[in-house]
Protein backbone atom coordinates (compact mmCIF):
# COMPACT_ATOMS: atom_id res chain seq x y z
CA MET A 1 -13.86 105.66 73.52
CA ALA A 2 -16.20 104.46 70.79
CA ASN A 3 -15.49 106.82 67.90
CA ASN A 4 -14.96 104.27 65.21
CA ARG A 5 -15.34 104.84 61.47
CA LYS A 6 -17.26 101.57 61.25
CA PHE A 7 -20.18 103.41 62.91
CA ARG A 8 -20.12 106.34 60.47
CA ASN A 9 -23.19 105.12 58.59
CA ASP A 10 -24.95 103.33 61.44
CA LEU A 11 -28.29 104.68 62.64
CA TYR A 12 -30.20 103.76 65.77
CA PRO A 13 -33.68 102.22 65.26
CA VAL A 14 -36.60 104.59 65.82
CA ARG A 15 -40.38 104.48 65.93
CA ASP A 16 -42.46 106.70 63.68
CA ILE A 17 -44.60 109.43 65.25
CA THR A 18 -46.92 111.80 63.45
CA ASP A 19 -47.09 114.58 66.04
CA ILE A 20 -46.25 115.50 69.63
CA ARG A 21 -49.43 113.97 71.08
CA ASP A 22 -48.64 110.74 69.27
CA MET A 23 -45.18 110.85 70.84
CA LEU A 24 -46.57 111.41 74.36
CA SER A 25 -49.27 108.74 74.02
CA SER A 26 -46.91 106.10 72.62
CA SER A 27 -44.27 106.87 75.26
CA ALA A 28 -46.88 106.50 78.03
CA ARG A 29 -47.84 103.08 76.59
CA LEU A 30 -44.22 101.98 76.26
CA TYR A 31 -42.75 103.36 79.47
CA GLY A 32 -45.76 103.64 81.81
CA ASP A 33 -44.48 103.73 85.39
CA ASP A 34 -40.93 104.75 84.42
CA PRO A 35 -39.94 108.24 85.59
CA ALA A 36 -40.38 110.78 82.81
CA LEU A 37 -39.25 113.67 85.00
CA LEU A 38 -37.47 114.28 88.28
CA ILE A 39 -38.69 117.46 89.95
CA LYS A 40 -38.33 119.42 93.16
CA LYS A 41 -41.69 120.55 94.49
CA ASN A 42 -39.97 123.07 96.75
CA GLN A 43 -36.49 124.61 96.81
CA GLY A 44 -34.02 122.47 98.73
CA GLU A 45 -36.16 119.32 98.79
CA LYS A 46 -35.15 115.98 97.26
CA PHE A 47 -36.03 115.17 93.65
CA THR A 48 -39.26 113.21 93.21
CA PRO A 49 -40.31 111.29 90.08
CA VAL A 50 -43.25 111.94 87.75
CA SER A 51 -44.08 108.85 85.69
CA TYR A 52 -44.95 108.79 82.00
CA ASP A 53 -48.47 107.70 82.92
CA GLN A 54 -48.88 110.55 85.42
CA LEU A 55 -47.60 113.11 82.91
CA LYS A 56 -50.05 111.89 80.25
CA GLN A 57 -52.97 111.95 82.73
CA ASP A 58 -52.10 115.48 83.87
CA VAL A 59 -51.77 116.68 80.27
CA ASP A 60 -55.22 115.28 79.42
CA ALA A 61 -56.75 116.91 82.53
CA LEU A 62 -55.24 120.36 81.96
CA GLY A 63 -55.95 120.25 78.23
CA THR A 64 -59.59 119.34 78.91
CA ALA A 65 -59.93 122.30 81.28
CA LEU A 66 -58.31 124.72 78.81
CA VAL A 67 -60.63 123.63 76.00
CA SER A 68 -63.63 124.07 78.34
CA LEU A 69 -62.61 127.72 78.80
CA GLY A 70 -63.12 128.32 75.09
CA LEU A 71 -59.40 128.33 74.28
CA LYS A 72 -59.64 125.73 71.51
CA GLY A 73 -57.57 126.98 68.56
CA CYS A 74 -56.30 130.01 70.51
CA HIS A 75 -52.78 131.33 70.98
CA ILE A 76 -51.54 130.87 74.55
CA GLY A 77 -48.38 132.30 76.10
CA LEU A 78 -46.17 130.48 78.60
CA ILE A 79 -43.59 132.17 80.81
CA GLY A 80 -41.59 131.20 83.89
CA GLU A 81 -38.65 129.18 85.15
CA THR A 82 -38.03 125.53 84.25
CA ARG A 83 -40.45 123.43 86.29
CA TYR A 84 -43.01 120.65 85.95
CA GLN A 85 -45.90 123.06 85.36
CA TRP A 86 -44.11 124.48 82.32
CA ILE A 87 -43.71 121.09 80.61
CA LEU A 88 -47.27 120.14 81.56
CA SER A 89 -48.69 123.41 80.16
CA ASP A 90 -46.62 123.14 76.97
CA LEU A 91 -47.98 119.66 76.19
CA ALA A 92 -51.54 120.50 77.27
CA VAL A 93 -51.67 123.42 74.83
CA VAL A 94 -50.14 121.79 71.74
CA CYS A 95 -51.68 118.32 72.15
CA GLY A 96 -55.24 119.43 71.48
CA THR A 97 -55.87 123.01 72.66
CA GLY A 98 -54.14 125.59 70.47
CA VAL A 99 -50.84 127.28 69.62
CA LEU A 100 -48.14 127.84 72.26
CA SER A 101 -45.88 130.91 72.49
CA PRO A 102 -42.99 130.19 74.92
CA LEU A 103 -41.61 133.46 76.30
CA ASP A 104 -38.30 134.41 77.91
CA LYS A 105 -38.88 134.84 81.66
CA ASP A 106 -36.58 137.88 81.68
CA LEU A 107 -38.58 139.94 79.17
CA PRO A 108 -39.36 143.47 80.42
CA VAL A 109 -42.96 144.65 80.86
CA GLU A 110 -43.10 146.62 77.61
CA GLU A 111 -41.91 143.68 75.54
CA LEU A 112 -44.29 141.27 77.30
CA ASN A 113 -47.21 143.45 76.34
CA ASN A 114 -45.87 143.70 72.81
CA MET A 115 -45.66 139.88 72.55
CA PHE A 116 -49.18 139.42 73.92
CA ASN A 117 -50.50 141.63 71.15
CA ARG A 118 -48.26 140.55 68.29
CA ALA A 119 -49.07 136.88 68.90
CA HIS A 120 -52.80 137.61 69.42
CA MET A 121 -52.74 135.67 72.68
CA SER A 122 -56.01 134.78 74.39
CA ALA A 123 -54.34 133.54 77.59
CA VAL A 124 -50.98 133.36 79.29
CA ILE A 125 -49.78 130.74 81.78
CA TYR A 126 -47.14 132.08 84.16
CA SER A 127 -45.18 131.36 87.34
CA GLY A 128 -45.38 133.35 90.54
CA LYS A 129 -41.87 134.71 90.01
CA VAL A 130 -42.99 136.79 87.02
CA GLU A 131 -46.50 137.67 88.26
CA GLY A 132 -45.59 141.30 88.99
CA ARG A 133 -44.52 141.94 85.39
CA ILE A 134 -47.52 140.04 84.01
CA LEU A 135 -49.96 142.16 86.03
CA GLU A 136 -48.15 145.34 85.01
CA ALA A 137 -48.19 144.31 81.34
CA ILE A 138 -51.94 143.58 81.28
CA ARG A 139 -52.77 146.99 82.71
CA ARG A 140 -52.05 148.19 79.18
CA GLU A 141 -54.08 147.37 76.09
CA HIS A 142 -54.19 143.63 75.43
CA GLN A 143 -56.44 140.84 74.13
CA LEU A 144 -56.01 138.33 76.97
CA LYS A 145 -59.15 136.58 78.21
CA TYR A 146 -57.37 134.75 81.03
CA ILE A 147 -54.13 134.77 82.96
CA ILE A 148 -53.36 131.40 84.55
CA SER A 149 -51.04 131.19 87.55
CA MET A 150 -48.88 128.13 88.19
CA ASP A 151 -48.82 129.01 91.89
CA SER A 152 -52.27 130.34 92.86
CA ALA A 153 -54.51 127.93 94.77
CA GLU A 154 -57.87 129.41 93.67
CA HIS A 155 -59.51 131.23 90.74
CA VAL A 156 -59.98 134.97 91.21
CA GLY A 157 -61.92 136.50 88.31
CA LYS A 158 -59.91 136.15 85.11
CA ARG A 159 -56.82 135.14 87.10
CA LEU A 160 -57.13 131.37 87.19
CA SER A 161 -55.28 128.71 89.17
CA LEU A 162 -53.49 126.01 87.16
CA SER A 163 -53.83 123.49 90.01
CA LYS A 164 -57.56 124.22 90.20
CA LEU A 165 -57.87 123.74 86.42
CA LEU A 166 -56.18 120.35 86.82
CA GLU A 167 -58.78 119.31 89.40
CA GLU A 168 -61.62 120.51 87.19
CA GLY A 169 -60.15 118.75 84.15
CA ARG A 170 -59.91 115.44 86.00
CA GLU A 171 -63.55 115.75 87.02
CA MET A 172 -64.60 116.50 83.43
CA LEU A 173 -62.71 113.42 82.20
CA ARG A 174 -64.42 111.25 84.82
CA ASN A 175 -67.74 112.60 83.53
CA GLY A 176 -66.90 111.57 79.96
CA ASN A 177 -65.65 114.86 78.44
CA ARG A 178 -63.42 113.92 75.48
CA ASP A 179 -63.18 117.28 73.73
CA PHE A 180 -59.42 117.42 74.32
CA VAL A 181 -58.38 113.75 74.16
CA ASP A 182 -60.22 113.21 70.87
CA ALA A 183 -59.16 116.53 69.32
CA GLU A 184 -57.82 116.16 65.80
CA ILE A 185 -54.16 117.12 65.39
CA ASP A 186 -53.02 118.57 62.08
CA PRO A 187 -49.28 117.76 61.88
CA GLU A 188 -48.77 120.47 59.24
CA ALA A 189 -50.44 123.31 61.18
CA MET A 190 -48.62 125.75 63.44
CA ALA A 191 -48.19 124.38 66.97
CA TYR A 192 -45.55 126.76 68.31
CA LEU A 193 -44.97 130.47 67.76
CA LEU A 194 -41.50 131.33 69.03
CA PHE A 195 -40.03 134.80 69.01
CA THR A 196 -36.34 135.06 68.15
CA SER A 197 -34.16 137.05 70.51
CA GLY A 198 -34.08 140.71 69.56
CA THR A 199 -35.34 144.12 70.54
CA THR A 200 -39.03 145.01 70.54
CA GLY A 201 -40.32 145.30 67.00
CA PHE A 202 -37.45 143.29 65.50
CA ALA A 203 -37.96 139.87 67.07
CA LYS A 204 -39.41 137.59 64.39
CA GLY A 205 -42.15 135.05 65.18
CA VAL A 206 -41.03 131.58 64.03
CA MET A 207 -43.93 129.26 63.19
CA LEU A 208 -43.21 125.57 63.89
CA SER A 209 -45.58 122.67 63.31
CA HIS A 210 -46.02 119.33 65.07
CA LYS A 211 -44.31 117.75 62.07
CA ASN A 212 -41.32 120.11 62.38
CA ILE A 213 -40.69 119.20 66.03
CA ALA A 214 -41.59 115.50 65.70
CA THR A 215 -39.29 114.89 62.73
CA ASN A 216 -36.42 116.75 64.43
CA THR A 217 -36.89 114.64 67.57
CA VAL A 218 -36.86 111.37 65.61
CA LYS A 219 -33.87 112.45 63.49
CA MET A 220 -31.86 113.20 66.60
CA ALA A 221 -32.71 109.75 68.00
CA ARG A 222 -31.17 108.11 64.92
CA TYR A 223 -27.80 109.72 65.74
CA PHE A 224 -27.89 110.03 69.53
CA HIS A 225 -29.15 107.24 71.76
CA ILE A 226 -30.74 107.83 75.17
CA ASN A 227 -31.12 104.68 77.24
CA ARG A 228 -34.41 103.91 78.94
CA ARG A 229 -34.48 105.58 82.40
CA GLU A 230 -31.16 107.32 81.67
CA VAL A 231 -31.12 110.70 83.44
CA SER A 232 -30.49 113.97 81.59
CA LEU A 233 -29.94 117.10 83.67
CA SER A 234 -31.92 120.02 82.21
CA VAL A 235 -29.89 123.21 82.69
CA LEU A 236 -30.86 125.50 79.78
CA PRO A 237 -33.77 127.97 79.49
CA ILE A 238 -36.79 125.88 78.63
CA HIS A 239 -38.33 128.40 76.22
CA HIS A 240 -35.50 127.76 73.71
CA THR A 241 -35.94 125.10 71.02
CA TYR A 242 -32.52 123.59 71.80
CA GLU A 243 -33.57 122.63 75.33
CA HIS A 244 -37.17 121.91 74.32
CA THR A 245 -36.49 119.57 71.40
CA CYS A 246 -33.02 118.12 72.06
CA ASP A 247 -33.45 117.51 75.79
CA ILE A 248 -37.12 117.39 76.84
CA MET A 249 -38.71 115.94 73.69
CA ALA A 250 -35.77 113.68 72.83
CA SER A 251 -35.78 112.14 76.32
CA LEU A 252 -39.55 111.71 76.49
CA TYR A 253 -39.51 110.08 73.05
CA GLN A 254 -36.74 107.60 73.93
CA GLY A 255 -37.88 106.67 77.44
CA GLY A 256 -35.28 108.71 79.30
CA THR A 257 -35.72 110.76 82.45
CA VAL A 258 -35.26 114.54 82.60
CA ALA A 259 -34.16 116.02 85.94
CA LEU A 260 -35.06 119.70 86.18
CA CYS A 261 -32.01 121.52 87.57
CA GLU A 262 -32.71 124.17 90.22
CA GLY A 263 -30.32 126.65 88.59
CA LEU A 264 -26.75 127.00 87.35
CA LYS A 265 -25.30 127.25 90.86
CA HIS A 266 -26.87 123.86 91.68
CA ILE A 267 -25.51 121.96 88.64
CA PHE A 268 -22.87 119.96 90.52
CA SER A 269 -25.06 119.05 93.51
CA ASP A 270 -28.00 118.14 91.24
CA MET A 271 -25.71 115.96 89.09
CA ARG A 272 -24.70 114.01 92.16
CA GLU A 273 -28.23 113.63 93.51
CA VAL A 274 -29.86 112.33 90.32
CA LYS A 275 -26.75 110.51 89.02
CA ALA A 276 -27.11 112.33 85.69
CA SER A 277 -25.40 110.73 82.72
CA LEU A 278 -26.45 113.18 79.99
CA MET A 279 -26.51 116.94 79.58
CA MET A 280 -27.36 119.40 76.82
CA GLY A 281 -25.44 122.62 77.35
CA VAL A 282 -23.82 125.70 75.86
CA PRO A 283 -20.08 126.50 75.76
CA LEU A 284 -20.19 128.85 78.75
CA ILE A 285 -21.42 126.03 81.02
CA TYR A 286 -18.81 123.56 79.82
CA GLU A 287 -16.06 126.18 80.06
CA MET A 288 -17.11 126.76 83.68
CA MET A 289 -16.98 123.02 84.40
CA TYR A 290 -13.60 122.69 82.65
CA LYS A 291 -12.07 125.57 84.63
CA ARG A 292 -13.48 124.23 87.90
CA ILE A 293 -11.90 120.81 87.29
CA TRP A 294 -8.45 122.34 86.65
CA LYS A 295 -8.80 124.73 89.60
CA GLN A 296 -9.62 121.81 91.88
CA ALA A 297 -6.68 119.81 90.51
CA GLU A 298 -4.40 122.79 91.20
CA LYS A 299 -5.79 123.15 94.72
CA ASN A 300 -5.16 119.44 95.38
CA GLN A 301 -1.69 119.65 93.78
CA ARG A 302 -2.74 117.11 91.15
CA THR A 303 -2.30 119.25 88.01
CA GLU A 304 0.85 117.47 86.84
CA LYS A 305 -0.63 114.04 87.53
CA LEU A 306 -3.76 114.98 85.53
CA LYS A 307 -1.59 116.12 82.60
CA ILE A 308 0.50 112.92 82.74
CA HIS A 309 -2.64 110.76 82.68
CA MET A 310 -4.02 112.71 79.73
CA ASP A 311 -0.79 112.32 77.76
CA PHE A 312 -0.85 108.59 78.51
CA VAL A 313 -4.44 108.24 77.22
CA ARG A 314 -3.63 110.21 74.06
CA ARG A 315 -0.82 107.77 73.33
CA HIS A 316 -3.29 104.90 73.75
CA GLU A 317 -6.28 106.35 71.92
CA ASN A 318 -8.11 103.01 71.74
CA MET A 319 -8.19 102.75 75.53
CA ASP A 320 -11.52 101.47 76.87
CA THR A 321 -13.91 104.08 78.27
CA GLY A 322 -14.18 102.21 81.56
CA VAL A 323 -10.41 102.36 82.06
CA ARG A 324 -10.43 106.11 81.31
CA ARG A 325 -13.16 106.67 83.85
CA LEU A 326 -11.15 104.84 86.52
CA LEU A 327 -8.03 106.78 85.65
CA PHE A 328 -9.76 110.17 85.93
CA ASN A 329 -12.36 109.35 88.56
CA LYS A 330 -10.81 111.39 91.36
CA ASP A 331 -10.02 114.50 89.29
CA VAL A 332 -13.03 114.63 86.96
CA HIS A 333 -15.85 112.12 87.35
CA ALA A 334 -16.37 112.51 91.09
CA ALA A 335 -16.84 116.27 90.58
CA LEU A 336 -19.54 115.61 87.94
CA GLY A 337 -21.56 113.17 90.02
CA GLY A 338 -19.72 110.01 89.03
CA ASN A 339 -22.12 108.96 86.27
CA MET A 340 -21.76 111.51 83.44
CA ARG A 341 -21.56 109.66 80.11
CA CYS A 342 -22.17 112.19 77.37
CA MET A 343 -22.49 115.96 76.97
CA VAL A 344 -23.79 117.80 73.91
CA SER A 345 -22.72 121.36 73.16
CA GLY A 346 -24.71 123.71 70.96
CA ALA A 347 -25.95 127.30 70.46
CA ALA A 348 -22.41 128.69 69.96
CA ALA A 349 -18.89 127.60 69.03
CA ILE A 350 -16.90 125.80 71.72
CA ASP A 351 -13.13 125.55 72.09
CA PRO A 352 -12.14 122.19 70.48
CA ASP A 353 -9.59 121.74 73.30
CA ILE A 354 -12.48 121.49 75.79
CA VAL A 355 -14.22 118.91 73.59
CA GLU A 356 -10.96 116.95 73.34
CA PHE A 357 -10.42 117.15 77.12
CA PHE A 358 -13.77 115.61 78.03
CA ASN A 359 -13.45 112.91 75.37
CA THR A 360 -9.97 112.07 76.67
CA VAL A 361 -11.11 111.63 80.27
CA GLY A 362 -13.96 109.28 79.29
CA ILE A 363 -16.95 111.63 78.92
CA LYS A 364 -18.17 111.78 75.37
CA MET A 365 -18.67 115.36 74.21
CA ILE A 366 -20.15 116.09 70.80
CA GLN A 367 -21.31 119.23 69.04
CA GLY A 368 -24.49 119.94 67.16
CA TYR A 369 -25.73 122.93 65.20
CA GLY A 370 -29.13 124.41 64.59
CA MET A 371 -31.44 127.38 64.79
CA THR A 372 -34.99 128.03 65.93
CA GLU A 373 -36.11 128.15 62.30
CA SER A 374 -35.10 124.48 61.92
CA SER A 375 -36.71 123.14 65.11
CA PRO A 376 -33.65 123.42 65.85
CA LEU A 377 -31.15 120.71 64.78
CA ILE A 378 -29.54 120.97 61.34
CA THR A 379 -26.38 118.92 61.89
CA LEU A 380 -25.21 116.62 64.68
CA ASN A 381 -22.18 114.48 65.40
CA ARG A 382 -23.08 110.84 65.96
CA ASP A 383 -22.43 109.63 69.47
CA ARG A 384 -20.39 106.75 68.01
CA TYR A 385 -18.55 108.70 65.30
CA HIS A 386 -17.69 112.35 65.62
CA LYS A 387 -15.07 114.99 64.84
CA ASN A 388 -14.12 117.35 67.64
CA GLY A 389 -13.86 120.55 65.58
CA SER A 390 -17.02 119.91 63.59
CA VAL A 391 -20.69 120.50 64.38
CA GLY A 392 -21.54 117.21 62.67
CA GLN A 393 -23.25 115.97 59.54
CA ALA A 394 -26.65 116.80 58.12
CA MET A 395 -29.39 114.97 60.01
CA PHE A 396 -30.98 111.89 58.41
CA GLY A 397 -33.31 113.02 55.62
CA SER A 398 -31.98 116.59 55.78
CA ARG A 399 -29.70 118.38 53.35
CA VAL A 400 -26.98 120.97 53.87
CA LYS A 401 -25.03 122.85 51.21
CA ILE A 402 -22.61 125.77 51.01
CA ASP A 403 -23.84 128.72 48.96
CA ASP A 404 -21.37 130.63 46.79
CA PRO A 405 -18.20 129.14 48.35
CA ASP A 406 -14.92 131.05 48.12
CA GLU A 407 -11.53 129.56 47.23
CA ASP A 408 -11.39 127.89 50.65
CA GLY A 409 -14.86 126.35 50.26
CA ILE A 410 -16.38 128.80 52.75
CA GLY A 411 -19.83 130.20 52.08
CA GLU A 412 -23.25 130.59 53.67
CA VAL A 413 -24.75 127.39 55.08
CA LEU A 414 -28.14 126.51 53.56
CA THR A 415 -30.42 123.70 54.70
CA ARG A 416 -33.54 121.89 53.55
CA SER A 417 -35.63 119.44 55.61
CA GLU A 418 -39.04 118.62 57.10
CA SER A 419 -37.89 120.42 60.27
CA VAL A 420 -37.65 123.83 58.58
CA MET A 421 -40.22 126.37 59.80
CA LEU A 422 -43.50 127.25 58.14
CA GLY A 423 -42.30 130.86 58.00
CA TYR A 424 -42.34 134.03 60.08
CA TYR A 425 -45.68 134.95 61.61
CA GLU A 426 -47.51 137.69 59.69
CA ASP A 427 -44.24 138.63 57.98
CA GLU A 428 -44.11 137.71 54.30
CA LEU A 429 -41.14 139.98 53.58
CA ASN A 430 -38.78 138.38 56.11
CA THR A 431 -40.10 134.91 55.25
CA ALA A 432 -39.20 135.41 51.59
CA ALA A 433 -35.76 136.76 52.53
CA ALA A 434 -35.08 133.71 54.73
CA PHE A 435 -35.16 131.31 51.76
CA LYS A 436 -33.19 130.88 48.56
CA ASP A 437 -34.78 128.57 45.99
CA GLY A 438 -36.52 126.64 48.77
CA TRP A 439 -33.40 126.40 50.97
CA LEU A 440 -33.31 128.06 54.40
CA ARG A 441 -30.55 130.64 54.77
CA THR A 442 -28.86 130.14 58.13
CA GLY A 443 -26.83 133.35 58.16
CA ASP A 444 -23.77 131.29 59.16
CA TYR A 445 -20.60 130.78 57.15
CA GLY A 446 -18.88 127.42 57.03
CA TYR A 447 -17.47 124.61 54.89
CA LEU A 448 -17.94 120.85 54.46
CA ASP A 449 -15.24 118.19 54.48
CA ASP A 450 -15.20 115.15 52.21
CA GLU A 451 -17.41 113.18 54.64
CA GLY A 452 -20.03 115.91 54.88
CA PHE A 453 -18.97 117.15 58.32
CA LEU A 454 -19.78 120.84 58.71
CA TYR A 455 -17.30 123.35 60.15
CA LEU A 456 -18.56 126.82 61.05
CA THR A 457 -16.38 129.87 60.61
CA GLY A 458 -18.67 132.68 61.76
CA ARG A 459 -21.91 134.62 61.38
CA LYS A 460 -22.48 136.25 58.01
CA LYS A 461 -23.64 139.51 59.61
CA ASN A 462 -20.52 139.66 61.82
CA VAL A 463 -17.95 139.34 59.01
CA ILE A 464 -15.50 142.24 58.81
CA ILE A 465 -14.71 143.07 55.17
CA THR A 466 -11.47 145.03 54.93
CA LYS A 467 -10.70 147.66 52.25
CA ASN A 468 -8.77 145.12 50.16
CA GLY A 469 -11.79 142.76 50.15
CA LYS A 470 -10.51 140.26 52.73
CA ASN A 471 -13.03 138.61 55.06
CA VAL A 472 -12.22 138.50 58.77
CA PHE A 473 -14.39 136.23 60.92
CA PRO A 474 -14.52 137.78 64.42
CA GLU A 475 -15.23 134.39 65.98
CA GLU A 476 -11.85 133.07 64.79
CA VAL A 477 -9.93 135.99 66.33
CA GLU A 478 -12.00 135.67 69.54
CA PHE A 479 -11.10 131.99 69.73
CA TYR A 480 -7.38 132.80 69.84
CA LEU A 481 -7.86 135.60 72.36
CA MET A 482 -9.87 133.39 74.71
CA LYS A 483 -6.87 131.09 75.03
CA SER A 484 -5.57 133.66 77.50
CA PRO A 485 -6.55 132.95 81.13
CA TYR A 486 -6.64 136.72 81.69
CA ILE A 487 -9.66 137.30 79.42
CA SER A 488 -13.15 136.66 80.76
CA GLU A 489 -15.12 137.77 77.67
CA VAL A 490 -14.31 139.32 74.31
CA ILE A 491 -16.03 140.67 71.20
CA VAL A 492 -14.07 141.43 68.04
CA SER A 493 -15.57 144.02 65.69
CA GLY A 494 -14.61 146.14 62.69
CA ASP A 495 -14.33 149.84 63.58
CA GLU A 496 -13.88 152.79 61.23
CA ASP A 497 -10.31 154.12 61.16
CA GLY A 498 -11.22 157.53 59.76
CA ARG A 499 -9.81 156.70 56.31
CA GLY A 500 -12.69 154.58 55.02
CA ASP A 501 -11.28 151.26 56.16
CA LEU A 502 -12.26 148.93 58.98
CA VAL A 503 -9.74 147.99 61.67
CA VAL A 504 -10.05 144.85 63.75
CA THR A 505 -10.88 145.89 67.32
CA ALA A 506 -10.91 143.67 70.41
CA HIS A 507 -13.34 144.64 73.19
CA ILE A 508 -12.00 142.78 76.23
CA VAL A 509 -13.46 142.09 79.66
CA PRO A 510 -10.50 141.08 81.89
CA ASP A 511 -10.64 138.18 84.34
CA MET A 512 -9.51 140.28 87.29
CA ALA A 513 -9.40 137.32 89.68
CA GLU A 514 -6.86 135.52 87.47
CA ILE A 515 -4.85 138.70 86.88
CA THR A 516 -4.71 139.59 90.58
CA GLU A 517 -3.69 136.05 91.50
CA ALA A 518 -0.87 136.11 88.94
CA PHE A 519 0.36 139.71 89.20
CA GLY A 520 -1.18 141.26 92.29
CA GLU A 521 -2.97 144.61 92.17
CA LEU A 522 -2.25 146.47 88.91
CA ASP A 523 -2.84 150.04 87.76
CA THR A 524 -4.18 150.88 84.29
CA GLU A 525 -0.71 150.94 82.76
CA GLY A 526 0.11 147.48 84.14
CA LEU A 527 -3.21 146.07 82.91
CA ASN A 528 -2.73 147.50 79.42
CA LYS A 529 0.79 146.00 79.30
CA ILE A 530 -0.63 142.52 79.93
CA PHE A 531 -3.16 142.84 77.13
CA LYS A 532 -0.65 144.27 74.67
CA GLU A 533 1.32 141.06 75.16
CA VAL A 534 -1.83 138.92 74.82
CA VAL A 535 -2.82 140.71 71.60
CA ASN A 536 0.72 140.48 70.19
CA CYS A 537 0.72 136.71 70.81
CA THR A 538 -2.68 136.43 69.09
CA ASN A 539 -1.55 138.53 66.12
CA ASP A 540 1.51 136.31 65.64
CA GLN A 541 -0.83 133.37 64.95
CA MET A 542 -2.77 135.11 62.16
CA PRO A 543 -2.14 136.66 58.73
CA SER A 544 -1.60 140.44 58.65
CA TYR A 545 -5.10 141.34 57.44
CA LYS A 546 -6.64 139.69 60.53
CA ARG A 547 -4.36 141.44 63.02
CA ILE A 548 -5.96 143.29 65.94
CA ARG A 549 -5.19 146.99 65.60
CA ARG A 550 -7.20 148.46 68.45
CA VAL A 551 -7.99 147.27 71.99
CA GLU A 552 -10.69 148.36 74.44
CA ILE A 553 -10.49 147.20 78.06
CA ARG A 554 -13.82 147.35 79.87
CA ARG A 555 -14.80 146.58 83.46
CA GLU A 556 -18.39 145.49 82.80
CA GLU A 557 -19.60 142.18 81.38
CA PHE A 558 -21.36 142.18 78.02
CA ARG A 559 -25.14 141.92 77.82
CA LYS A 560 -26.22 138.33 77.18
CA THR A 561 -29.20 136.30 76.05
CA SER A 562 -30.88 133.79 78.37
CA THR A 563 -28.66 131.06 76.87
CA HIS A 564 -25.60 133.07 77.93
CA LYS A 565 -24.63 134.16 74.44
CA ILE A 566 -23.23 137.68 74.18
CA ARG A 567 -25.58 140.04 72.36
CA ARG A 568 -23.56 141.30 69.40
CA ASN A 569 -25.13 144.67 68.65
CA ALA A 570 -24.28 148.38 68.71
CA GLU A 571 -25.71 148.80 72.20
CA THR A 572 -23.50 146.05 73.61
CA LEU A 573 -20.38 147.47 71.92
CA LYS A 574 -20.95 150.95 73.29
CA ALA A 575 -17.99 151.54 75.62
CA PRO A 576 -19.10 151.90 79.25
CA GLU A 577 -17.70 154.65 81.42
CA GLY A 578 -14.19 153.86 82.65
CA SER A 579 -13.13 151.82 79.59
CA GLU A 580 -9.51 152.16 78.41
CA CYS A 581 -8.54 152.13 74.72
CA PHE A 582 -5.13 151.80 73.07
CA GLU A 583 -3.64 150.99 69.67
CA ALA A 584 -2.21 147.49 69.39
């Protein structure tokens, strides 16, 4: 596969854009009738295309209607599943109406009401699936002038119909209303107000400008090329900046096509239908795909043949991608729709073995790294030159440095770029704490190699500091534990030992299906015996100060965010009833 050092300094050509509306307008001029999106109007139907021209016309119509409601300059919420109306509403708000607050569709009623008030929202656009919680939330004190349904056919009082607003906006445009299309865009002003994941009262409001998002989109395009009309399958929650910038905006900017996946259980069938060649995902999704491929190979009695082919490719590392794809077509490519070219992993650390596997079989997999506060990308591997264990190099025009590195070069990752947030909304204290001499603190520990590739070692707030001053990164210990097929999920934490020191504790969720298949039905003693062996094997691979001293076996999955990351907090670590603990 193309991973040649000669490409290490090569950048793809890009076009300059000043803001998101400039991006949408120029893409409509360049790509016109090409499909911008592939959508399903109803569950179970075939995908249908929405052209760049149609998207731009719909954005202008909805934006015109929103401005006519008196929402110019207002804060507007957006909540629901990934669908065309979400992308349309997003662009219609930021391209000339006001400030958009994307919200997690799984937020409870109390937190929804809290967000409405904290963000000073004047309206919220929502899907029918969350209408019950929206109506419950607005029964409490709020400042909303309108609620706008993606699914209602008619206006009813302050509950408006998005489809009706589209009709009204088109009519206003035909009559010469240009309040929206001629609206002045300030690239430096806040366009998005995004709340970080957290409990009510602690979620911080990240303020991002048009310039933040636009520069991040263009920077990504310099490193990662999307071919015109190439199809990306959108599988992540759309309210997150990773999906929003790196998939939706990046594809629309480069002339690609985004197919909106119906849900995680439809990934494989949707891949086949749209012939997807790109995907932005998180480790959990790729781990699921990886395990499914090996399970299918085992079922078809092709495991040994798959291993032999992989060993052969590794011995001929310059083998052409096309040859690799032919060699692994039956075991891998057919399962992924037959057209998958490249997959990007972000949001959390991924097992380098999985990255190496997909690259070996002829599907390029690269890692990137970012955070909401940086719109989000900070570093990215180039699609033509990458390192499997790294999250890439600083984006073009961005800077990354390691603050206060230890003897191994590990310290907190700091970044500086035009993509860094304006600050936290109405929160000067946390804004000041987020920066050090103008550099954004990421809260992540890592180190740089001699080519500027960044390697992450763990979250600063998760580090376990032992009594003798040694730092233990839980993520590293978790990585070794997850090598076991008998572990479904794990969190490693530092627990008090009663003598003023912290002991490394592994909180393990067993993969009972794998265990039962391998050992049959086991009692508690048999289960504990398995994990004592797993922990002993893990401890043998690490220095003594990192050794796991305590193990908790639990029968419930950990609480997760909407991007399937485990929530690492005291509530999550609280042992559920029926958990078993033992000393390792």
